[in-house]
């Protein structure tokens, strides 16, 4: 009489466990995606709401100008590793709410090579970011300077007349607009596409 050993059959995985595993995988994928999107989303949120003293971007001048005046101070800074001199042409100006103003900053490349920088900006106190509107600004684009080049750069802005309706800003007399230029890292030169390593090298 032939006896056969019983075959081992793995227990079926409950559907509930499969659903939990799938949910965990989806959660991990979403979290990874959110980590990459966090910086641009935060930047968009700040520009939209004025959070953290981030000024707004405007496309046109306001339709009214108020009699209330605010002193706007101008601050200029250079981040580590950028060999530039950066300064406002004037340290402050008195403006009326809704008045469109153009001010200038100057920047000088102090080296004998081309360098590039990008300006970050904010206003203080942080609570007025939503009322400070820029129509045009050098900070919107990367700035590239030739060796020893000196450049004059404009910023066009206004302080929203709606600020006068905010009772929390009744004692506000001064706003500081601050810029910091940071170096733009140049991509490292690589081997030309399709060219073998060492091609063109003479021995």
C-alpha atoms as a PDB file:
ATOM      1  CA  UNK A   1       0.000   0.000   0.000  1.00  0.00           C
ATOM      2  CA  UNK A   2       1.516   3.290  -1.059  1.00  0.00           C
ATOM      3  CA  UNK A   3       1.470   6.061   1.445  1.00  0.00           C
ATOM      4  CA  UNK A   4       1.893   9.623   0.291  1.00  0.00           C
ATOM      5  CA  UNK A   5       3.102  12.387   2.574  1.00  0.00           C
ATOM      6  CA  UNK A   6       0.572  15.224   2.787  1.00  0.00           C
ATOM      7  CA  UNK A   7       1.448  18.221   0.673  1.00  0.00           C
ATOM      8  CA  UNK A   8       2.067  21.517   2.464  1.00  0.00           C
ATOM      9  CA  UNK A   9      -0.246  24.277   1.317  1.00  0.00           C
ATOM     10  CA  UNK A  10       0.391  27.834   2.533  1.00  0.00           C
ATOM     11  CA  UNK A  11      -2.526  29.373   4.281  1.00  0.00           C
ATOM     12  CA  UNK A  12      -4.302  31.933   2.104  1.00  0.00           C
ATOM     13  CA  UNK A  13      -3.601  35.556   2.948  1.00  0.00           C
ATOM     14  CA  UNK A  14      -6.748  37.178   4.264  1.00  0.00           C
ATOM     15  CA  UNK A  15      -8.140  39.898   2.006  1.00  0.00           C
ATOM     16  CA  UNK A  16      -8.022  42.275   4.949  1.00  0.00           C
ATOM     17  CA  UNK A  17      -4.219  41.908   5.207  1.00  0.00           C
ATOM     18  CA  UNK A  18      -3.837  42.567   1.474  1.00  0.00           C
ATOM     19  CA  UNK A  19      -5.918  45.706   1.777  1.00  0.00           C
ATOM     20  CA  UNK A  20      -3.807  46.940   4.703  1.00  0.00           C
ATOM     21  CA  UNK A  21      -0.572  46.305   2.772  1.00  0.00           C
ATOM     22  CA  UNK A  22      -1.904  48.137  -0.280  1.00  0.00           C
ATOM     23  CA  UNK A  23      -2.991  51.073   1.873  1.00  0.00           C
ATOM     24  CA  UNK A  24       0.447  51.259   3.522  1.00  0.00           C
ATOM     25  CA  UNK A  25       2.158  51.231   0.127  1.00  0.00           C
ATOM     26  CA  UNK A  26      -0.090  53.995  -1.151  1.00  0.00           C
ATOM     27  CA  UNK A  27       0.565  56.042   1.997  1.00  0.00           C
ATOM     28  CA  UNK A  28       4.343  55.735   1.566  1.00  0.00           C
ATOM     29  CA  UNK A  29       4.081  56.782  -2.100  1.00  0.00           C
ATOM     30  CA  UNK A  30       1.982  59.813  -1.188  1.00  0.00           C
ATOM     31  CA  UNK A  31       4.390  60.862   1.577  1.00  0.00           C
ATOM     32  CA  UNK A  32       7.380  60.617  -0.771  1.00  0.00           C
ATOM     33  CA  UNK A  33       5.539  62.707  -3.346  1.00  0.00           C
ATOM     34  CA  UNK A  34       4.595  65.283  -0.722  1.00  0.00           C
ATOM     35  CA  UNK A  35       8.205  65.591   0.428  1.00  0.00           C
ATOM     36  CA  UNK A  36       9.230  66.629  -3.088  1.00  0.00           C
ATOM     37  CA  UNK A  37       6.269  68.992  -3.407  1.00  0.00           C
ATOM     38  CA  UNK A  38       6.644  70.564   0.052  1.00  0.00           C
ATOM     39  CA  UNK A  39       9.023  73.358  -0.949  1.00  0.00           C
ATOM     40  CA  UNK A  40       7.121  74.634  -4.020  1.00  0.00           C
ATOM     41  CA  UNK A  41       3.797  74.287  -2.191  1.00  0.00           C
ATOM     42  CA  UNK A  42       5.116  76.255   0.771  1.00  0.00           C
ATOM     43  CA  UNK A  43       6.503  78.928  -1.556  1.00  0.00           C
ATOM     44  CA  UNK A  44       3.143  79.183  -3.360  1.00  0.00           C
ATOM     45  CA  UNK A  45       1.292  79.387  -0.044  1.00  0.00           C
ATOM     46  CA  UNK A  46       3.547  82.210   1.192  1.00  0.00           C
ATOM     47  CA  UNK A  47       3.186  84.208  -2.027  1.00  0.00           C
ATOM     48  CA  UNK A  48      -0.586  83.765  -1.979  1.00  0.00           C
ATOM     49  CA  UNK A  49      -1.232  84.595   1.666  1.00  0.00           C
ATOM     50  CA  UNK A  50       1.731  86.789   2.628  1.00  0.00           C
ATOM     51  CA  UNK A  51       2.624  84.261   5.333  1.00  0.00           C
ATOM     52  CA  UNK A  52       6.048  84.780   6.900  1.00  0.00           C
ATOM     53  CA  UNK A  53       6.314  88.293   5.518  1.00  0.00           C
ATOM     54  CA  UNK A  54       6.347  87.182   1.888  1.00  0.00           C
ATOM     55  CA  UNK A  55       5.210  90.087  -0.360  1.00  0.00           C
ATOM     56  CA  UNK A  56       2.474  89.601  -2.935  1.00  0.00           C
ATOM     57  CA  UNK A  57       2.959  89.799  -6.707  1.00  0.00           C
ATOM     58  CA  UNK A  58       0.681  92.350  -8.384  1.00  0.00           C
ATOM     59  CA  UNK A  59       0.008  92.944 -12.081  1.00  0.00           C
ATOM     60  CA  UNK A  60      -1.466  96.429 -11.927  1.00  0.00           C
ATOM     61  CA  UNK A  61      -1.556  99.540  -9.761  1.00  0.00           C
ATOM     62  CA  UNK A  62      -4.376  99.987  -7.232  1.00  0.00           C
ATOM     63  CA  UNK A  63      -7.278 102.228  -8.157  1.00  0.00           C
ATOM     64  CA  UNK A  64      -7.019 104.426  -5.060  1.00  0.00           C
ATOM     65  CA  UNK A  65      -4.303 106.159  -3.060  1.00  0.00           C
ATOM     66  CA  UNK A  66      -4.710 106.848   0.647  1.00  0.00           C
ATOM     67  CA  UNK A  67      -3.467 109.858   2.603  1.00  0.00           C
ATOM     68  CA  UNK A  68      -1.891 107.588   5.195  1.00  0.00           C
ATOM     69  CA  UNK A  69       1.895 107.353   4.905  1.00  0.00           C
ATOM     70  CA  UNK A  70       4.243 104.508   5.723  1.00  0.00           C
ATOM     71  CA  UNK A  71       8.042 104.583   5.863  1.00  0.00           C
ATOM     72  CA  UNK A  72       9.571 101.742   3.860  1.00  0.00           C
ATOM     73  CA  UNK A  73      13.147 100.805   4.760  1.00  0.00           C
ATOM     74  CA  UNK A  74      15.431  98.880   2.411  1.00  0.00           C
ATOM     75  CA  UNK A  75      17.818  96.155   3.522  1.00  0.00           C
ATOM     76  CA  UNK A  76      20.414  94.297   1.400  1.00  0.00           C
ATOM     77  CA  UNK A  77      22.409  91.177   2.280  1.00  0.00           C
ATOM     78  CA  UNK A  78      24.729  88.712   0.562  1.00  0.00           C
ATOM     79  CA  UNK A  79      24.723  84.989   1.292  1.00  0.00           C
ATOM     80  CA  UNK A  80      27.931  83.070   1.938  1.00  0.00           C
ATOM     81  CA  UNK A  81      29.931  82.210  -1.159  1.00  0.00           C
ATOM     82  CA  UNK A  82      28.717  85.029  -3.399  1.00  0.00           C
ATOM     83  CA  UNK A  83      31.454  87.630  -4.055  1.00  0.00           C
ATOM     84  CA  UNK A  84      29.149  90.587  -4.688  1.00  0.00           C
ATOM     85  CA  UNK A  85      28.542  94.006  -3.193  1.00  0.00           C
ATOM     86  CA  UNK A  86      24.824  94.693  -2.881  1.00  0.00           C
ATOM     87  CA  UNK A  87      23.173  97.841  -1.534  1.00  0.00           C
ATOM     88  CA  UNK A  88      20.078 100.043  -1.926  1.00  0.00           C
ATOM     89  CA  UNK A  89      20.522 103.486  -3.491  1.00  0.00           C
ATOM     90  CA  UNK A  90      18.496 104.900  -0.604  1.00  0.00           C
ATOM     91  CA  UNK A  91      17.877 103.460   2.842  1.00  0.00           C
ATOM     92  CA  UNK A  92      14.216 104.507   3.225  1.00  0.00           C
ATOM     93  CA  UNK A  93      11.326 106.330   1.596  1.00  0.00           C
ATOM     94  CA  UNK A  94       7.944 107.646   2.751  1.00  0.00           C
ATOM     95  CA  UNK A  95       5.048 106.346   0.657  1.00  0.00           C
ATOM     96  CA  UNK A  96       1.284 106.730   0.714  1.00  0.00           C
ATOM     97  CA  UNK A  97      -0.846 103.596   0.751  1.00  0.00           C
ATOM     98  CA  UNK A  98      -1.619 102.708  -2.854  1.00  0.00           C
ATOM     99  CA  UNK A  99       1.179 104.862  -4.284  1.00  0.00           C
ATOM    100  CA  UNK A 100       3.297 103.022  -6.858  1.00  0.00           C
ATOM    101  CA  UNK A 101       6.999 103.525  -6.115  1.00  0.00           C
ATOM    102  CA  UNK A 102      10.177 102.558  -7.964  1.00  0.00           C
ATOM    103  CA  UNK A 103      13.426 102.175  -6.029  1.00  0.00           C
ATOM    104  CA  UNK A 104      16.817 100.902  -7.113  1.00  0.00           C
ATOM    105  CA  UNK A 105      19.453  98.579  -5.753  1.00  0.00           C
ATOM    106  CA  UNK A 106      22.974  98.255  -7.111  1.00  0.00           C
ATOM    107  CA  UNK A 107      25.010  95.087  -7.271  1.00  0.00           C
ATOM    108  CA  UNK A 108      28.669  94.641  -8.225  1.00  0.00           C
ATOM    109  CA  UNK A 109      30.557  91.476  -9.083  1.00  0.00           C
ATOM    110  CA  UNK A 110      33.847  91.755  -7.188  1.00  0.00           C
ATOM    111  CA  UNK A 111      35.606  88.936  -9.027  1.00  0.00           C
ATOM    112  CA  UNK A 112      37.319  88.445 -12.383  1.00  0.00           C
ATOM    113  CA  UNK A 113      34.869  85.716 -13.399  1.00  0.00           C
ATOM    114  CA  UNK A 114      31.196  85.535 -14.267  1.00  0.00           C
ATOM    115  CA  UNK A 115      28.962  84.753 -11.300  1.00  0.00           C
ATOM    116  CA  UNK A 116      25.226  84.305 -10.789  1.00  0.00           C
ATOM    117  CA  UNK A 117      22.854  84.915  -7.896  1.00  0.00           C
ATOM    118  CA  UNK A 118      19.173  84.731  -7.005  1.00  0.00           C
ATOM    119  CA  UNK A 119      17.531  87.040  -4.472  1.00  0.00           C
ATOM    120  CA  UNK A 120      15.198  85.883  -1.710  1.00  0.00           C
ATOM    121  CA  UNK A 121      12.997  88.500  -0.090  1.00  0.00           C
ATOM    122  CA  UNK A 122      10.575  89.233   2.710  1.00  0.00           C
ATOM    123  CA  UNK A 123       9.096  92.158   4.600  1.00  0.00           C
ATOM    124  CA  UNK A 124       8.939  92.919   8.309  1.00  0.00           C
ATOM    125  CA  UNK A 125       6.863  92.848  10.360  1.00  0.00           C
ATOM    126  CA  UNK A 126       5.643  89.487   9.057  1.00  0.00           C
ATOM    127  CA  UNK A 127       2.001  90.501   9.445  1.00  0.00           C
ATOM    128  CA  UNK A 128       2.168  92.990   6.542  1.00  0.00           C
ATOM    129  CA  UNK A 129       3.330  90.538   3.870  1.00  0.00           C
ATOM    130  CA  UNK A 130      -0.192  90.342   2.494  1.00  0.00           C
ATOM    131  CA  UNK A 131      -0.311  94.123   2.003  1.00  0.00           C
ATOM    132  CA  UNK A 132       3.047  94.612   0.300  1.00  0.00           C
ATOM    133  CA  UNK A 133       2.634  94.198  -3.466  1.00  0.00           C
ATOM    134  CA  UNK A 134       5.391  94.021  -6.076  1.00  0.00           C
ATOM    135  CA  UNK A 135       4.658  94.828  -9.701  1.00  0.00           C
ATOM    136  CA  UNK A 136       8.203  94.256 -10.926  1.00  0.00           C
ATOM    137  CA  UNK A 137      11.363  93.071  -9.201  1.00  0.00           C
ATOM    138  CA  UNK A 138      14.872  91.865  -9.994  1.00  0.00           C
ATOM    139  CA  UNK A 139      14.195  89.070  -7.518  1.00  0.00           C
ATOM    140  CA  UNK A 140      11.820  87.364  -9.966  1.00  0.00           C
ATOM    141  CA  UNK A 141      14.731  86.119 -12.094  1.00  0.00           C
ATOM    142  CA  UNK A 142      18.306  84.907 -11.742  1.00  0.00           C
ATOM    143  CA  UNK A 143      20.948  87.645 -12.075  1.00  0.00           C
ATOM    144  CA  UNK A 144      24.182  86.865 -13.899  1.00  0.00           C
ATOM    145  CA  UNK A 145      27.063  89.361 -13.754  1.00  0.00           C
ATOM    146  CA  UNK A 146      30.141  89.578 -15.941  1.00  0.00           C
ATOM    147  CA  UNK A 147      33.566  90.024 -14.295  1.00  0.00           C
ATOM    148  CA  UNK A 148      33.589  93.349 -12.429  1.00  0.00           C
ATOM    149  CA  UNK A 149      30.117  94.285 -13.703  1.00  0.00           C
ATOM    150  CA  UNK A 150      28.026  96.814 -11.773  1.00  0.00           C
ATOM    151  CA  UNK A 151      24.273  96.714 -12.338  1.00  0.00           C
ATOM    152  CA  UNK A 152      21.364  98.902 -11.260  1.00  0.00           C
ATOM    153  CA  UNK A 153      18.194  96.943 -10.565  1.00  0.00           C
ATOM    154  CA  UNK A 154      14.671  98.214  -9.957  1.00  0.00           C
ATOM    155  CA  UNK A 155      11.835  97.085  -7.743  1.00  0.00           C
ATOM    156  CA  UNK A 156       8.339  98.516  -8.319  1.00  0.00           C
ATOM    157  CA  UNK A 157       5.877  98.150  -5.454  1.00  0.00           C
ATOM    158  CA  UNK A 158       3.017  99.632  -3.489  1.00  0.00           C
ATOM    159  CA  UNK A 159       1.495  99.109  -0.058  1.00  0.00           C
ATOM    160  CA  UNK A 160      -2.127  98.009  -0.414  1.00  0.00           C
ATOM    161  CA  UNK A 161      -4.664 100.642   0.761  1.00  0.00           C
ATOM    162  CA  UNK A 162      -6.579  97.783   2.393  1.00  0.00           C
ATOM    163  CA  UNK A 163      -3.995  97.922   5.165  1.00  0.00           C
ATOM    164  CA  UNK A 164      -5.805 100.991   6.519  1.00  0.00           C
ATOM    165  CA  UNK A 165      -8.857  98.803   7.231  1.00  0.00           C
ATOM    166  CA  UNK A 166      -6.851  96.372   9.359  1.00  0.00           C
ATOM    167  CA  UNK A 167      -7.179  97.545  12.965  1.00  0.00           C
ATOM    168  CA  UNK A 168      -4.215  95.377  13.895  1.00  0.00           C
ATOM    169  CA  UNK A 169      -1.977  97.673  11.807  1.00  0.00           C
ATOM    170  CA  UNK A 170      -3.159 100.996  13.269  1.00  0.00           C
ATOM    171  CA  UNK A 171       0.182 101.573  15.016  1.00  0.00           C
ATOM    172  CA  UNK A 172       2.278 100.512  12.023  1.00  0.00           C
ATOM    173  CA  UNK A 173       4.655 103.229  10.851  1.00  0.00           C
ATOM    174  CA  UNK A 174       7.542 101.352   9.226  1.00  0.00           C
ATOM    175  CA  UNK A 175       7.926  98.385   6.882  1.00  0.00           C
ATOM    176  CA  UNK A 176      11.319  96.872   6.076  1.00  0.00           C
ATOM    177  CA  UNK A 177      11.857  95.277   2.670  1.00  0.00           C
ATOM    178  CA  UNK A 178      14.776  92.887   2.908  1.00  0.00           C
ATOM    179  CA  UNK A 179      16.701  91.046   0.189  1.00  0.00           C
ATOM    180  CA  UNK A 180      19.401  88.417   0.405  1.00  0.00           C
ATOM    181  CA  UNK A 181      21.296  87.302  -2.704  1.00  0.00           C
ATOM    182  CA  UNK A 182      22.406  83.663  -2.728  1.00  0.00           C
ATOM    183  CA  UNK A 183      24.868  82.089  -5.181  1.00  0.00           C
ATOM    184  CA  UNK A 184      23.471  80.016  -8.024  1.00  0.00           C
ATOM    185  CA  UNK A 185      25.471  76.816  -8.260  1.00  0.00           C
ATOM    186  CA  UNK A 186      26.722  76.101 -11.736  1.00  0.00           C
ATOM    187  CA  UNK A 187      26.172  72.539 -13.045  1.00  0.00           C
ATOM    188  CA  UNK A 188      29.374  70.544 -13.288  1.00  0.00           C
ATOM    189  CA  UNK A 189      30.636  70.068 -16.827  1.00  0.00           C
ATOM    190  CA  UNK A 190      30.182  66.461 -17.926  1.00  0.00           C
ATOM    191  CA  UNK A 191      31.400  64.315 -20.760  1.00  0.00           C
ATOM    192  CA  UNK A 192      29.728  65.213 -24.046  1.00  0.00           C
ATOM    193  CA  UNK A 193      26.844  62.947 -25.021  1.00  0.00           C
ATOM    194  CA  UNK A 194      28.045  60.023 -27.073  1.00  0.00           C
ATOM    195  CA  UNK A 195      31.732  60.837 -26.558  1.00  0.00           C
ATOM    196  CA  UNK A 196      33.839  58.219 -24.753  1.00  0.00           C
ATOM    197  CA  UNK A 197      35.638  59.260 -21.598  1.00  0.00           C
ATOM    198  CA  UNK A 198      39.024  60.669 -22.506  1.00  0.00           C
ATOM    199  CA  UNK A 199      38.021  61.445 -26.087  1.00  0.00           C
ATOM    200  CA  UNK A 200      40.092  64.215 -27.533  1.00  0.00           C
ATOM    201  CA  UNK A 201      42.778  63.813 -24.926  1.00  0.00           C
ATOM    202  CA  UNK A 202      46.302  63.685 -26.310  1.00  0.00           C
ATOM    203  CA  UNK A 203      48.930  61.494 -24.720  1.00  0.00           C
END
